């Protein structure tokens, strides 16, 4: 696996589709996975994530953190825990982290980054 894209989500149901679509629309990069780590959202985020998982089961994996275990923990530490959990299951040589309310505006962004990294070695 060449690339793992990690999307960190918490109550981003309004935006996560755009983040996922921007990953799926990347051209040139064929050998990649999308790992979505949800921090126990209470909005419709998980429903959106599951719908994409059903459509792209070979491309998308997801997990949900138990919010009860982190109740009272500041958001930055919870987000860090989601990233660490995603790193533990990522299979890519390279990793890109994306917040669920962000997206790639260039369909060639990841291929350009991989080309640069591969040429530096």
C-alpha atoms as a PDB file:
ATOM      1  CA  UNK A   1       0.000   0.000   0.000  1.00  0.00           C
ATOM      2  CA  UNK A   2       1.462   3.336  -1.046  1.00  0.00           C
ATOM      3  CA  UNK A   3      -0.744   5.854   0.780  1.00  0.00           C
ATOM      4  CA  UNK A   4      -3.053   5.988   3.776  1.00  0.00           C
ATOM      5  CA  UNK A   5      -5.338   9.003   4.056  1.00  0.00           C
ATOM      6  CA  UNK A   6      -6.571   9.493   7.603  1.00  0.00           C
ATOM      7  CA  UNK A   7      -9.700  11.577   8.120  1.00  0.00           C
ATOM      8  CA  UNK A   8     -10.365  12.706  11.691  1.00  0.00           C
ATOM      9  CA  UNK A   9     -14.041  13.328  12.397  1.00  0.00           C
ATOM     10  CA  UNK A  10     -16.151  14.623  15.248  1.00  0.00           C
ATOM     11  CA  UNK A  11     -19.624  15.999  14.518  1.00  0.00           C
ATOM     12  CA  UNK A  12     -18.689  16.915  10.944  1.00  0.00           C
ATOM     13  CA  UNK A  13     -21.735  15.374   9.234  1.00  0.00           C
ATOM     14  CA  UNK A  14     -22.228  18.585   7.304  1.00  0.00           C
ATOM     15  CA  UNK A  15     -18.759  18.500   5.757  1.00  0.00           C
ATOM     16  CA  UNK A  16     -17.392  14.966   5.758  1.00  0.00           C
ATOM     17  CA  UNK A  17     -18.869  14.026   2.366  1.00  0.00           C
ATOM     18  CA  UNK A  18     -16.808  16.737   0.713  1.00  0.00           C
ATOM     19  CA  UNK A  19     -13.665  15.518   2.492  1.00  0.00           C
ATOM     20  CA  UNK A  20     -14.258  11.917   1.414  1.00  0.00           C
ATOM     21  CA  UNK A  21     -15.177  12.886  -2.162  1.00  0.00           C
ATOM     22  CA  UNK A  22     -11.984  14.954  -2.450  1.00  0.00           C
ATOM     23  CA  UNK A  23      -9.996  11.847  -1.504  1.00  0.00           C
ATOM     24  CA  UNK A  24     -11.881   9.608  -3.917  1.00  0.00           C
ATOM     25  CA  UNK A  25     -11.416  12.076  -6.784  1.00  0.00           C
ATOM     26  CA  UNK A  26      -7.620  12.034  -6.611  1.00  0.00           C
ATOM     27  CA  UNK A  27      -6.185  11.082  -9.986  1.00  0.00           C
ATOM     28  CA  UNK A  28      -3.036   9.102 -10.536  1.00  0.00           C
ATOM     29  CA  UNK A  29      -2.986   7.552  -7.063  1.00  0.00           C
ATOM     30  CA  UNK A  30      -4.372   4.024  -7.298  1.00  0.00           C
ATOM     31  CA  UNK A  31      -2.824   2.270  -4.320  1.00  0.00           C
ATOM     32  CA  UNK A  32      -4.390   4.072  -1.371  1.00  0.00           C
ATOM     33  CA  UNK A  33      -6.791   3.612   1.501  1.00  0.00           C
ATOM     34  CA  UNK A  34      -8.992   6.027   3.410  1.00  0.00           C
ATOM     35  CA  UNK A  35      -9.186   5.501   7.150  1.00  0.00           C
ATOM     36  CA  UNK A  36     -11.869   7.520   8.912  1.00  0.00           C
ATOM     37  CA  UNK A  37     -11.539   7.825  12.662  1.00  0.00           C
ATOM     38  CA  UNK A  38     -14.653   9.177  14.333  1.00  0.00           C
ATOM     39  CA  UNK A  39     -14.430  10.468  17.895  1.00  0.00           C
ATOM     40  CA  UNK A  40     -17.938   9.392  18.918  1.00  0.00           C
ATOM     41  CA  UNK A  41     -19.964  11.923  16.930  1.00  0.00           C
ATOM     42  CA  UNK A  42     -23.515  12.661  18.028  1.00  0.00           C
ATOM     43  CA  UNK A  43     -24.671  14.134  14.721  1.00  0.00           C
ATOM     44  CA  UNK A  44     -25.146  12.263  11.416  1.00  0.00           C
ATOM     45  CA  UNK A  45     -21.410  11.804  10.776  1.00  0.00           C
ATOM     46  CA  UNK A  46     -21.437   8.075  11.381  1.00  0.00           C
ATOM     47  CA  UNK A  47     -24.365   7.531   9.017  1.00  0.00           C
ATOM     48  CA  UNK A  48     -22.490   9.391   6.273  1.00  0.00           C
ATOM     49  CA  UNK A  49     -19.309   7.428   6.961  1.00  0.00           C
ATOM     50  CA  UNK A  50     -21.173   4.099   6.869  1.00  0.00           C
ATOM     51  CA  UNK A  51     -22.818   5.001   3.568  1.00  0.00           C
ATOM     52  CA  UNK A  52     -19.429   5.682   1.970  1.00  0.00           C
ATOM     53  CA  UNK A  53     -18.052   2.485   3.480  1.00  0.00           C
ATOM     54  CA  UNK A  54     -20.903   0.516   1.864  1.00  0.00           C
ATOM     55  CA  UNK A  55     -20.120   2.087  -1.517  1.00  0.00           C
ATOM     56  CA  UNK A  56     -16.326   1.717  -1.259  1.00  0.00           C
ATOM     57  CA  UNK A  57     -15.591  -1.220   1.083  1.00  0.00           C
ATOM     58  CA  UNK A  58     -12.251  -1.951  -0.592  1.00  0.00           C
ATOM     59  CA  UNK A  59     -11.082   1.650  -0.273  1.00  0.00           C
ATOM     60  CA  UNK A  60     -12.558   2.910   3.024  1.00  0.00           C
ATOM     61  CA  UNK A  61     -12.152   1.663   6.574  1.00  0.00           C
ATOM     62  CA  UNK A  62     -13.506   3.376   9.654  1.00  0.00           C
ATOM     63  CA  UNK A  63     -13.591   3.111  13.413  1.00  0.00           C
ATOM     64  CA  UNK A  64     -15.367   4.930  16.218  1.00  0.00           C
ATOM     65  CA  UNK A  65     -13.628   5.924  19.435  1.00  0.00           C
ATOM     66  CA  UNK A  66     -15.487   5.347  22.686  1.00  0.00           C
ATOM     67  CA  UNK A  67     -16.372   8.803  23.922  1.00  0.00           C
ATOM     68  CA  UNK A  68     -17.092   7.585  27.457  1.00  0.00           C
ATOM     69  CA  UNK A  69     -13.417   6.738  27.899  1.00  0.00           C
ATOM     70  CA  UNK A  70     -12.355  10.270  26.990  1.00  0.00           C
ATOM     71  CA  UNK A  71     -15.142  12.249  28.630  1.00  0.00           C
ATOM     72  CA  UNK A  72     -13.605  15.363  30.118  1.00  0.00           C
ATOM     73  CA  UNK A  73     -10.462  15.125  27.992  1.00  0.00           C
ATOM     74  CA  UNK A  74      -9.704  18.199  25.901  1.00  0.00           C
ATOM     75  CA  UNK A  75     -10.525  17.979  22.215  1.00  0.00           C
ATOM     76  CA  UNK A  76      -6.942  18.194  20.974  1.00  0.00           C
ATOM     77  CA  UNK A  77      -5.953  15.142  23.006  1.00  0.00           C
ATOM     78  CA  UNK A  78      -9.000  13.217  21.758  1.00  0.00           C
ATOM     79  CA  UNK A  79      -8.119  14.108  18.159  1.00  0.00           C
ATOM     80  CA  UNK A  80      -4.542  13.000  18.814  1.00  0.00           C
ATOM     81  CA  UNK A  81      -5.830   9.666  20.134  1.00  0.00           C
ATOM     82  CA  UNK A  82      -7.885   9.176  16.953  1.00  0.00           C
ATOM     83  CA  UNK A  83      -4.793   9.858  14.838  1.00  0.00           C
ATOM     84  CA  UNK A  84      -2.686   7.427  16.880  1.00  0.00           C
ATOM     85  CA  UNK A  85      -5.353   4.723  16.521  1.00  0.00           C
ATOM     86  CA  UNK A  86      -5.480   5.312  12.751  1.00  0.00           C
ATOM     87  CA  UNK A  87      -1.668   5.162  12.486  1.00  0.00           C
ATOM     88  CA  UNK A  88      -1.785   1.766  14.195  1.00  0.00           C
ATOM     89  CA  UNK A  89      -3.931   0.294  11.405  1.00  0.00           C
ATOM     90  CA  UNK A  90      -2.604   2.290   8.434  1.00  0.00           C
ATOM     91  CA  UNK A  91      -0.907   0.206   5.763  1.00  0.00           C
ATOM     92  CA  UNK A  92       0.537   2.990   3.610  1.00  0.00           C
ATOM     93  CA  UNK A  93       4.155   3.848   3.038  1.00  0.00           C
ATOM     94  CA  UNK A  94       3.027   7.466   3.267  1.00  0.00           C
ATOM     95  CA  UNK A  95       0.298   8.986   5.438  1.00  0.00           C
ATOM     96  CA  UNK A  96      -1.796  12.104   4.881  1.00  0.00           C
ATOM     97  CA  UNK A  97      -4.027  13.468   7.637  1.00  0.00           C
ATOM     98  CA  UNK A  98      -7.163  15.418   6.833  1.00  0.00           C
ATOM     99  CA  UNK A  99      -9.768  16.891   9.143  1.00  0.00           C
ATOM    100  CA  UNK A 100     -13.344  16.022   8.223  1.00  0.00           C
ATOM    101  CA  UNK A 101     -14.145  19.680   7.559  1.00  0.00           C
ATOM    102  CA  UNK A 102     -11.225  20.027   5.111  1.00  0.00           C
ATOM    103  CA  UNK A 103     -10.855  18.796   1.558  1.00  0.00           C
ATOM    104  CA  UNK A 104      -8.352  18.621  -1.276  1.00  0.00           C
ATOM    105  CA  UNK A 105      -9.100  21.299  -3.873  1.00  0.00           C
ATOM    106  CA  UNK A 106      -6.596  19.874  -6.366  1.00  0.00           C
ATOM    107  CA  UNK A 107      -7.396  16.426  -7.789  1.00  0.00           C
ATOM    108  CA  UNK A 108      -3.657  15.931  -8.369  1.00  0.00           C
ATOM    109  CA  UNK A 109      -2.521  16.984  -4.888  1.00  0.00           C
ATOM    110  CA  UNK A 110      -1.678  13.539  -3.582  1.00  0.00           C
ATOM    111  CA  UNK A 111       0.042  12.390  -6.777  1.00  0.00           C
ATOM    112  CA  UNK A 112       2.205  15.527  -6.736  1.00  0.00           C
ATOM    113  CA  UNK A 113       3.154  14.862  -3.108  1.00  0.00           C
ATOM    114  CA  UNK A 114       3.961  11.207  -3.808  1.00  0.00           C
ATOM    115  CA  UNK A 115       6.025  12.137  -6.879  1.00  0.00           C
ATOM    116  CA  UNK A 116       8.015  14.607  -4.812  1.00  0.00           C
ATOM    117  CA  UNK A 117       8.584  12.099  -1.983  1.00  0.00           C
ATOM    118  CA  UNK A 118       9.499   9.271  -4.329  1.00  0.00           C
ATOM    119  CA  UNK A 119      11.978  11.464  -6.213  1.00  0.00           C
ATOM    120  CA  UNK A 120      13.661  12.592  -3.007  1.00  0.00           C
ATOM    121  CA  UNK A 121      14.661   9.008  -2.117  1.00  0.00           C
END
